[in-house]
Protein backbone atom coordinates (compact mmCIF):
# COMPACT_ATOMS: atom_id res chain seq x y z
CA UNK A 1 61.89 -89.64 108.29
CA UNK A 2 64.98 -90.77 106.83
CA UNK A 3 65.95 -89.91 103.41
CA UNK A 4 64.68 -93.14 101.43
CA UNK A 5 64.45 -93.14 97.71
CA UNK A 6 61.16 -92.44 96.13
CA UNK A 7 60.30 -95.64 95.45
CA UNK A 8 60.68 -97.04 98.78
CA UNK A 9 58.40 -93.78 100.12
CA UNK A 10 55.61 -95.34 97.72
CA UNK A 11 56.00 -98.96 98.69
CA UNK A 12 55.52 -97.28 102.49
CA UNK A 13 52.25 -95.21 101.31
CA UNK A 14 50.88 -98.36 99.77
CA UNK A 15 51.41 -100.63 102.66
CA UNK A 16 49.68 -98.13 104.99
CA UNK A 17 46.66 -98.05 102.19
CA UNK A 18 46.54 -101.45 102.34
CA UNK A 19 46.47 -101.26 106.35
CA UNK A 20 43.59 -98.68 105.83
CA UNK A 21 41.41 -100.69 103.49
CA UNK A 22 40.65 -104.34 104.04
CA UNK A 23 40.55 -106.75 100.92
CA UNK A 24 37.42 -108.36 102.39
CA UNK A 25 35.30 -105.16 102.16
CA UNK A 26 32.15 -104.39 99.90
CA UNK A 27 34.09 -101.56 98.99
CA UNK A 28 37.21 -98.94 99.61
CA UNK A 29 36.79 -95.17 100.08
CA UNK A 30 39.00 -92.81 100.59
CA UNK A 31 37.70 -89.34 101.91
CA UNK A 32 39.58 -86.32 101.83
CA UNK A 33 38.98 -84.46 105.05
CA UNK A 34 37.78 -85.41 108.43
CA UNK A 35 35.59 -83.56 109.72
CA UNK A 36 31.42 -84.60 110.95
CA UNK A 37 30.29 -85.34 107.36
CA UNK A 38 33.27 -87.95 107.39
CA UNK A 39 32.10 -88.80 110.56
CA UNK A 40 28.44 -89.48 109.43
CA UNK A 41 29.61 -91.11 106.39
CA UNK A 42 32.02 -93.29 108.50
CA UNK A 43 28.64 -94.64 109.87
CA UNK A 44 26.69 -95.21 107.16
CA UNK A 45 30.01 -96.80 105.42
CA UNK A 46 29.81 -99.39 109.05
CA UNK A 47 26.05 -100.31 107.93
CA UNK A 48 27.25 -101.22 104.07
CA UNK A 49 30.68 -103.05 104.94
CA UNK A 50 32.19 -100.27 103.08
CA UNK A 51 35.72 -99.40 104.50
CA UNK A 52 35.86 -95.82 104.55
CA UNK A 53 39.44 -94.42 105.02
CA UNK A 54 40.17 -90.35 105.70
CA UNK A 55 42.96 -88.02 105.36
CA UNK A 56 42.90 -86.39 108.50
CA UNK A 57 44.76 -83.31 109.65
CA UNK A 58 44.54 -83.45 112.97
CA UNK A 59 44.39 -87.08 115.57
CA UNK A 60 41.64 -85.08 116.83
CA UNK A 61 39.45 -84.58 113.90
CA UNK A 62 35.91 -85.54 114.18
CA UNK A 63 35.83 -88.60 111.92
CA UNK A 64 38.67 -89.81 113.70
CA UNK A 65 37.68 -89.84 116.76
CA UNK A 66 34.86 -91.44 115.64
CA UNK A 67 37.01 -94.71 114.81
CA UNK A 68 37.38 -94.07 110.86
CA UNK A 69 40.72 -95.31 109.59
CA UNK A 70 42.88 -92.63 108.81
CA UNK A 71 45.80 -91.01 107.79
CA UNK A 72 47.67 -87.90 108.54
CA UNK A 73 48.11 -85.50 106.11
CA UNK A 74 47.25 -82.10 104.34
CA UNK A 75 45.00 -81.63 101.71
CA UNK A 76 47.14 -79.24 99.85
CA UNK A 77 49.46 -81.85 99.89
CA UNK A 78 49.97 -83.89 96.46
CA UNK A 79 51.79 -86.49 98.05
CA UNK A 80 49.42 -87.01 101.03
CA UNK A 81 46.53 -87.30 98.91
CA UNK A 82 48.38 -89.86 96.47
CA UNK A 83 49.09 -91.85 99.53
CA UNK A 84 45.07 -92.18 100.67
CA UNK A 85 43.71 -92.81 97.73
CA UNK A 86 46.32 -96.00 97.14
CA UNK A 87 44.00 -99.42 96.79
CA UNK A 88 40.71 -97.47 97.22
CA UNK A 89 38.39 -98.10 95.05
CA UNK A 90 36.93 -94.32 94.80
CA UNK A 91 38.35 -91.14 96.30
CA UNK A 92 35.68 -88.80 97.60
CA UNK A 93 35.29 -85.21 99.52
CA UNK A 94 34.18 -84.22 103.06
CA UNK A 95 35.30 -80.12 101.97
CA UNK A 96 36.30 -78.50 98.69
CA UNK A 97 39.22 -76.76 100.12
CA UNK A 98 41.68 -79.28 97.71
CA UNK A 99 43.77 -77.80 94.75
CA UNK A 100 42.09 -78.13 91.48
CA UNK A 101 45.98 -79.02 90.07
CA UNK A 102 46.29 -81.55 92.82
CA UNK A 103 42.67 -83.56 92.18
CA UNK A 104 43.80 -83.10 88.11
CA UNK A 105 47.14 -85.13 88.74
CA UNK A 106 45.25 -87.64 90.91
CA UNK A 107 42.94 -87.96 88.04
CA UNK A 108 45.61 -88.38 85.50
CA UNK A 109 47.13 -90.90 87.39
CA UNK A 110 43.98 -93.04 86.90
CA UNK A 111 42.57 -92.38 90.68
CA UNK A 112 38.77 -92.43 90.03
CA UNK A 113 36.99 -89.14 91.85
CA UNK A 114 33.71 -88.72 92.41
CA UNK A 115 32.48 -85.69 91.97
CA UNK A 116 35.11 -85.25 89.61
CA UNK A 117 37.40 -82.51 89.68
CA UNK A 118 35.73 -80.36 86.92
CA UNK A 119 32.18 -80.69 88.43
CA UNK A 120 34.30 -79.91 91.81
CA UNK A 121 35.35 -77.18 90.29
CA UNK A 122 31.97 -75.33 90.58
CA UNK A 123 31.74 -75.78 94.54
CA UNK A 124 35.52 -74.86 94.88
CA UNK A 125 34.89 -71.04 92.85
CA UNK A 126 31.84 -68.92 93.34
CA UNK A 127 32.21 -66.97 90.10
CA UNK A 128 33.43 -70.01 88.12
CA UNK A 129 29.98 -71.57 89.23
CA UNK A 130 28.10 -68.17 88.32
CA UNK A 131 29.41 -68.16 85.13
CA UNK A 132 28.82 -71.64 83.86
CA UNK A 133 25.67 -71.49 85.24
CA UNK A 134 24.70 -68.31 84.06
CA UNK A 135 25.81 -69.83 80.44
CA UNK A 136 23.64 -72.53 80.83
CA UNK A 137 20.45 -70.51 81.57
CA UNK A 138 19.96 -71.04 85.17
CA UNK A 139 18.54 -68.42 87.52
CA UNK A 140 20.83 -65.98 89.34
CA UNK A 141 21.54 -63.11 91.09
CA UNK A 142 22.93 -60.46 88.52
CA UNK A 143 26.28 -60.54 89.35
CA UNK A 144 30.06 -59.60 88.10
CA UNK A 145 33.78 -60.18 89.23
CA UNK A 146 35.28 -57.21 90.97
CA UNK A 147 39.14 -55.70 91.47
CA UNK A 148 38.51 -52.53 92.64
CA UNK A 149 36.50 -50.04 94.79
CA UNK A 150 35.59 -48.41 91.79
CA UNK A 151 34.09 -51.63 90.20
CA UNK A 152 31.82 -52.23 93.09
CA UNK A 153 30.37 -48.73 92.99
CA UNK A 154 29.80 -49.27 88.92
CA UNK A 155 27.94 -52.46 90.08
CA UNK A 156 25.94 -50.62 92.53
CA UNK A 157 25.43 -48.08 90.10
CA UNK A 158 23.22 -50.74 87.80
CA UNK A 159 21.74 -52.57 90.62
CA UNK A 160 21.43 -50.51 93.55
CA UNK A 161 22.84 -50.61 97.08
CA UNK A 162 23.78 -52.90 99.16
CA UNK A 163 25.88 -55.21 97.22
CA UNK A 164 26.82 -58.73 98.39
CA UNK A 165 30.70 -58.85 97.76
CA UNK A 166 31.88 -62.52 98.35
CA UNK A 167 36.05 -64.48 98.16
CA UNK A 168 35.46 -66.74 95.41
CA UNK A 169 36.87 -69.90 97.23
CA UNK A 170 37.23 -70.90 100.92
CA UNK A 171 34.09 -68.92 102.43
CA UNK A 172 31.51 -71.00 104.24
CA UNK A 173 29.11 -70.30 107.09
CA UNK A 174 29.27 -66.92 106.44
CA UNK A 175 32.82 -66.45 106.35
CA UNK A 176 34.08 -64.37 103.12
CA UNK A 177 30.50 -62.85 102.80
CA UNK A 178 30.37 -58.70 103.22
CA UNK A 179 26.97 -56.61 102.67
CA UNK A 180 28.54 -53.56 101.32
CA UNK A 181 26.21 -50.50 101.93
CA UNK A 182 29.13 -47.64 99.87
CA UNK A 183 31.71 -47.10 98.19
CA UNK A 184 33.69 -46.06 101.83
CA UNK A 185 32.97 -50.06 102.45
CA UNK A 186 34.06 -50.88 99.55
CA UNK A 187 37.14 -49.20 99.71
CA UNK A 188 38.10 -50.67 103.20
CA UNK A 189 37.37 -53.94 101.97
CA UNK A 190 38.75 -53.98 98.64
CA UNK A 191 41.55 -51.34 99.41
CA UNK A 192 42.83 -53.45 102.07
CA UNK A 193 43.35 -56.73 100.31
CA UNK A 194 46.82 -57.84 100.16
CA UNK A 195 46.93 -59.00 96.33
CA UNK A 196 46.34 -55.75 94.33
CA UNK A 197 44.98 -57.80 91.64
CA UNK A 198 42.77 -59.92 93.76
CA UNK A 199 39.02 -60.89 91.99
CA UNK A 200 36.35 -61.06 94.09
CA UNK A 201 32.26 -61.84 93.37
CA UNK A 202 29.93 -58.85 93.48
CA UNK A 203 26.60 -60.18 93.26
CA UNK A 204 22.97 -57.88 93.77
CA UNK A 205 21.57 -57.90 97.45
CA UNK A 206 18.47 -60.03 97.18
CA UNK A 207 15.25 -59.28 99.72
CA UNK A 208 14.65 -62.89 100.74
CA UNK A 209 11.23 -64.63 101.14
CA UNK A 210 12.64 -68.02 101.78
CA UNK A 211 15.69 -70.14 101.78
CA UNK A 212 16.01 -73.83 100.65
CA UNK A 213 18.43 -76.54 99.53
CA UNK A 214 17.58 -79.25 97.03
CA UNK A 215 19.65 -82.59 97.33
CA UNK A 216 20.16 -84.94 94.42
CA UNK A 217 22.05 -87.97 94.16
CA UNK A 218 23.28 -89.14 91.27
CA UNK A 219 25.62 -92.16 90.07
CA UNK A 220 28.71 -92.41 87.46
CA UNK A 221 25.94 -93.73 85.29
CA UNK A 222 23.78 -91.40 85.31
CA UNK A 223 20.90 -92.56 87.95
CA UNK A 224 19.76 -89.91 89.96
CA UNK A 225 17.38 -89.60 92.96
CA UNK A 226 16.12 -86.41 94.61
CA UNK A 227 14.86 -85.59 97.78
CA UNK A 228 12.38 -83.54 98.93
CA UNK A 229 13.15 -79.73 99.76
CA UNK A 230 14.62 -78.42 102.98
CA UNK A 231 13.75 -75.27 104.03
CA UNK A 232 16.67 -73.44 105.57
CA UNK A 233 17.06 -70.91 108.33
CA UNK A 234 20.16 -68.92 108.30
CA UNK A 235 21.39 -65.89 111.32
CA UNK A 236 24.72 -64.05 111.04
CA UNK A 237 25.75 -66.30 107.57
CA UNK A 238 25.16 -69.55 109.51
CA UNK A 239 21.92 -72.36 109.10
CA UNK A 240 20.25 -72.60 112.49
CA UNK A 241 17.38 -74.83 111.79
CA UNK A 242 15.96 -76.65 108.80
CA UNK A 243 12.73 -78.09 108.04
CA UNK A 244 10.84 -80.49 105.92
CA UNK A 245 8.42 -80.63 104.13
CA UNK A 246 9.12 -76.87 102.90
CA UNK A 247 6.21 -74.43 103.35
CA UNK A 248 6.44 -73.15 100.32
CA UNK A 249 4.11 -73.15 97.26
CA UNK A 250 4.23 -76.08 95.43
CA UNK A 251 5.04 -74.55 92.06
CA UNK A 252 8.06 -72.94 93.84
CA UNK A 253 9.36 -76.28 95.05
CA UNK A 254 8.54 -78.32 91.70
CA UNK A 255 10.68 -75.37 90.19
CA UNK A 256 13.37 -75.53 92.69
CA UNK A 257 13.63 -79.55 91.96
CA UNK A 258 13.70 -79.54 88.45
CA UNK A 259 17.02 -76.53 88.63
CA UNK A 260 18.80 -79.04 90.74
CA UNK A 261 17.83 -82.14 88.87
CA UNK A 262 18.97 -80.18 85.41
CA UNK A 263 22.15 -78.56 87.44
CA UNK A 264 23.48 -82.46 88.00
CA UNK A 265 22.61 -83.54 85.02
CA UNK A 266 24.50 -80.53 83.16
CA UNK A 267 27.73 -80.78 85.29
CA UNK A 268 27.73 -84.58 85.86
CA UNK A 269 27.80 -84.36 89.05
CA UNK A 270 28.47 -87.48 91.54
CA UNK A 271 27.32 -88.31 95.05
CA UNK A 272 25.32 -85.76 96.67
CA UNK A 273 24.81 -82.18 95.34
CA UNK A 274 23.37 -79.83 96.96
CA UNK A 275 21.41 -76.64 95.59
CA UNK A 276 21.16 -73.78 97.94
CA UNK A 277 18.51 -71.73 96.49
CA UNK A 278 16.76 -67.89 97.45
CA UNK A 279 13.43 -67.46 97.15
CA UNK A 280 13.27 -63.20 96.72
CA UNK A 281 10.25 -61.16 97.45
CA UNK A 282 8.76 -61.38 93.93
CA UNK A 283 8.70 -65.08 94.24
CA UNK A 284 11.06 -65.79 91.99
CA UNK A 285 13.54 -68.88 92.50
CA UNK A 286 17.55 -67.86 92.06
CA UNK A 287 20.37 -70.46 92.48
CA UNK A 288 22.37 -69.28 95.47
CA UNK A 289 25.81 -72.15 95.56
CA UNK A 290 26.66 -75.47 94.92
CA UNK A 291 28.04 -78.06 97.54
CA UNK A 292 29.30 -81.73 95.85
CA UNK A 293 29.47 -83.58 99.15
CA UNK A 294 26.77 -84.04 101.70
CA UNK A 295 25.56 -81.17 103.18
CA UNK A 296 24.49 -79.47 106.11
CA UNK A 297 20.58 -79.37 105.09
CA UNK A 298 20.66 -83.09 104.43
CA UNK A 299 21.95 -83.58 108.20
CA UNK A 300 17.74 -83.98 108.34
CA UNK A 301 17.58 -86.91 106.12
CA UNK A 302 19.27 -89.31 108.94
CA UNK A 303 15.94 -89.87 110.68
CA UNK A 304 13.00 -87.56 108.08
CA UNK A 305 13.91 -89.94 104.89
CA UNK A 306 14.21 -93.52 103.88
CA UNK A 307 18.02 -93.25 102.55
CA UNK A 308 20.04 -90.79 104.61
CA UNK A 309 22.14 -88.19 102.37
CA UNK A 310 25.31 -90.17 103.76
CA UNK A 311 24.02 -93.87 102.82
CA UNK A 312 23.26 -92.24 99.82
CA UNK A 313 26.44 -90.46 99.28
CA UNK A 314 28.32 -93.92 99.27
CA UNK A 315 25.85 -95.68 96.71
CA UNK A 316 26.09 -93.17 94.30
CA UNK A 317 29.90 -92.98 94.36
CA UNK A 318 30.18 -96.19 93.87
CA UNK A 319 27.82 -96.45 91.15
CA UNK A 320 25.31 -98.73 93.58
CA UNK A 321 21.71 -98.85 93.10
CA UNK A 322 20.16 -95.25 94.67
CA UNK A 323 17.95 -95.57 97.66
CA UNK A 324 14.39 -94.80 98.05
CA UNK A 325 14.22 -90.81 99.53
CA UNK A 326 10.51 -91.02 100.77
CA UNK A 327 10.39 -88.76 103.68
CA UNK A 328 8.91 -90.64 106.46
CA UNK A 329 6.78 -87.45 108.05
CA UNK A 330 7.54 -83.99 108.75
CA UNK A 331 10.78 -83.06 110.46
CA UNK A 332 12.96 -80.35 111.66
CA UNK A 333 16.95 -80.21 112.39
CA UNK A 334 18.53 -77.67 114.96
CA UNK A 335 21.89 -76.99 114.72
CA UNK A 336 24.47 -76.77 117.61
CA UNK A 337 26.19 -73.69 117.85
CA UNK A 338 28.69 -73.46 120.16
CA UNK A 339 27.28 -70.06 122.50
CA UNK A 340 28.95 -67.41 124.49
CA UNK A 341 27.49 -69.02 127.68
CA UNK A 342 30.48 -71.66 127.28
CA UNK A 343 28.07 -74.72 127.60
CA UNK A 344 29.06 -78.01 126.17
CA UNK A 345 26.72 -80.19 124.81
CA UNK A 346 28.20 -83.10 125.86
CA UNK A 347 27.89 -82.90 129.42
CA UNK A 348 24.15 -82.08 128.98
CA UNK A 349 23.30 -84.49 127.00
CA UNK A 350 21.36 -86.69 129.66
CA UNK A 351 18.69 -83.80 129.89
CA UNK A 352 18.32 -83.20 126.34
CA UNK A 353 17.96 -86.70 125.92
CA UNK A 354 14.73 -86.56 128.03
CA UNK A 355 12.56 -85.07 125.78
CA UNK A 356 10.56 -87.99 123.81
CA UNK A 357 11.72 -88.50 120.25
CA UNK A 358 14.69 -85.93 119.79
CA UNK A 359 17.35 -87.62 117.90
CA UNK A 360 20.93 -85.94 118.94
CA UNK A 361 24.07 -86.39 117.24
CA UNK A 362 27.31 -84.17 118.87
CA UNK A 363 30.58 -84.23 116.74
CA UNK A 364 32.91 -84.62 119.25
CA UNK A 365 34.35 -81.33 118.67
CA UNK A 366 36.02 -78.81 121.14
CA UNK A 367 34.15 -75.91 122.16
CA UNK A 368 34.22 -72.73 119.99
CA UNK A 369 32.04 -70.26 120.14
CA UNK A 370 30.62 -69.92 116.92
CA UNK A 371 31.18 -73.55 115.74
CA UNK A 372 29.12 -76.12 114.79
CA UNK A 373 28.94 -78.76 117.79
CA UNK A 374 26.46 -81.36 116.53
CA UNK A 375 22.63 -81.36 115.40
CA UNK A 376 18.99 -82.29 116.89
CA UNK A 377 16.33 -83.60 114.68
CA UNK A 378 12.47 -84.38 115.92
CA UNK A 379 9.59 -85.59 113.81
CA UNK A 380 6.51 -84.09 114.24
CA UNK A 381 2.85 -84.13 113.40
CA UNK A 382 3.73 -80.83 111.51
CA UNK A 383 7.35 -79.21 110.73
CA UNK A 384 6.46 -76.84 113.36
CA UNK A 385 5.79 -79.33 116.25
CA UNK A 386 8.89 -80.95 115.37
CA UNK A 387 10.91 -77.52 115.46
CA UNK A 388 9.67 -76.87 118.98
CA UNK A 389 11.02 -80.26 120.28
CA UNK A 390 14.01 -80.21 118.31
CA UNK A 391 14.44 -76.26 119.76
CA UNK A 392 13.74 -77.46 123.38
CA UNK A 393 16.73 -79.80 122.86
CA UNK A 394 18.73 -77.96 121.55
CA UNK A 395 18.30 -74.99 124.41
CA UNK A 396 18.91 -77.67 127.26
CA UNK A 397 22.27 -78.69 125.45
CA UNK A 398 23.46 -75.15 124.26
CA UNK A 399 22.49 -73.45 127.90
CA UNK A 400 20.72 -71.08 125.53
């Protein structure tokens, strides 16, 4: 692009914003990111006549391929985010990987961000989240910031080996999470880190009995709606499948719901807040991580609940009335993870659709081993029956 004045560039950006957003739409939402969460939010936006525009890294991003209006740019570039926000009623996110200083600048310029930068920071920085939640009395694993192998060993002297060492930011699907068995492993991890003053998050290793997630929707005016607890099942740091209702004691589920609702209020969440939790071997409930956006654990709500998390997120960030979260029936969702077989789910779709009652969602992503390519949901008389149907379809799709 030629030189041009800053004023000329701002006019061009505003024009681009007008091209993305219709003046006649019921609302105009800019979403930073264009992955599968943006793709499914776009599908919900169509139902509500909401114009959802996405900031995409590539024309091949999942939401772009599904037809979402888009602008090419980077979440790390303030000018790209500003241009995306032009003419939008509200800015929201399909991931947390945006510099906090950019979000603060956007807010200072008068743009409406839901969730707010202050709330989103708790999903961006696990150590910050631990400190804030601990100070407010929420149940957490024991934790400490560490910057050296010696500090990891000191933590282990009090809380025992192994120690879970996490990168405070940027990790997902098991990335940036390390189970350290001894001092030598701590030295290999922290000693080899390029930044000598890097701070990691050390956590007590928890013997797990179960994992679950509670989704809470909250509007800027403080109205809330909570979904039934979703039980999650992980392997290699990746959620493999979900079940609803969670097959856990009612007292545990009540406590989890109360904790999640309280966190939403304490941090001023807006939109969907997902609170991931552990149940340890003694039955104690512990908060793991927060996500302030639609979440993998909420994909099951598309078929299993009266209002999907994607419709609900839009309603919440726009301060519209929230929808009912009533469960339609027992359900299970299986994530489609790229397998070593190299099978492309899109090429095997008819086989899976032959199974009555399954709902297949493909994300339009190119195959890569270990990558989430889609998910399958099924309803049944019990969560176990639903899981069997979903797993059968998923096995056909992935060749596993």
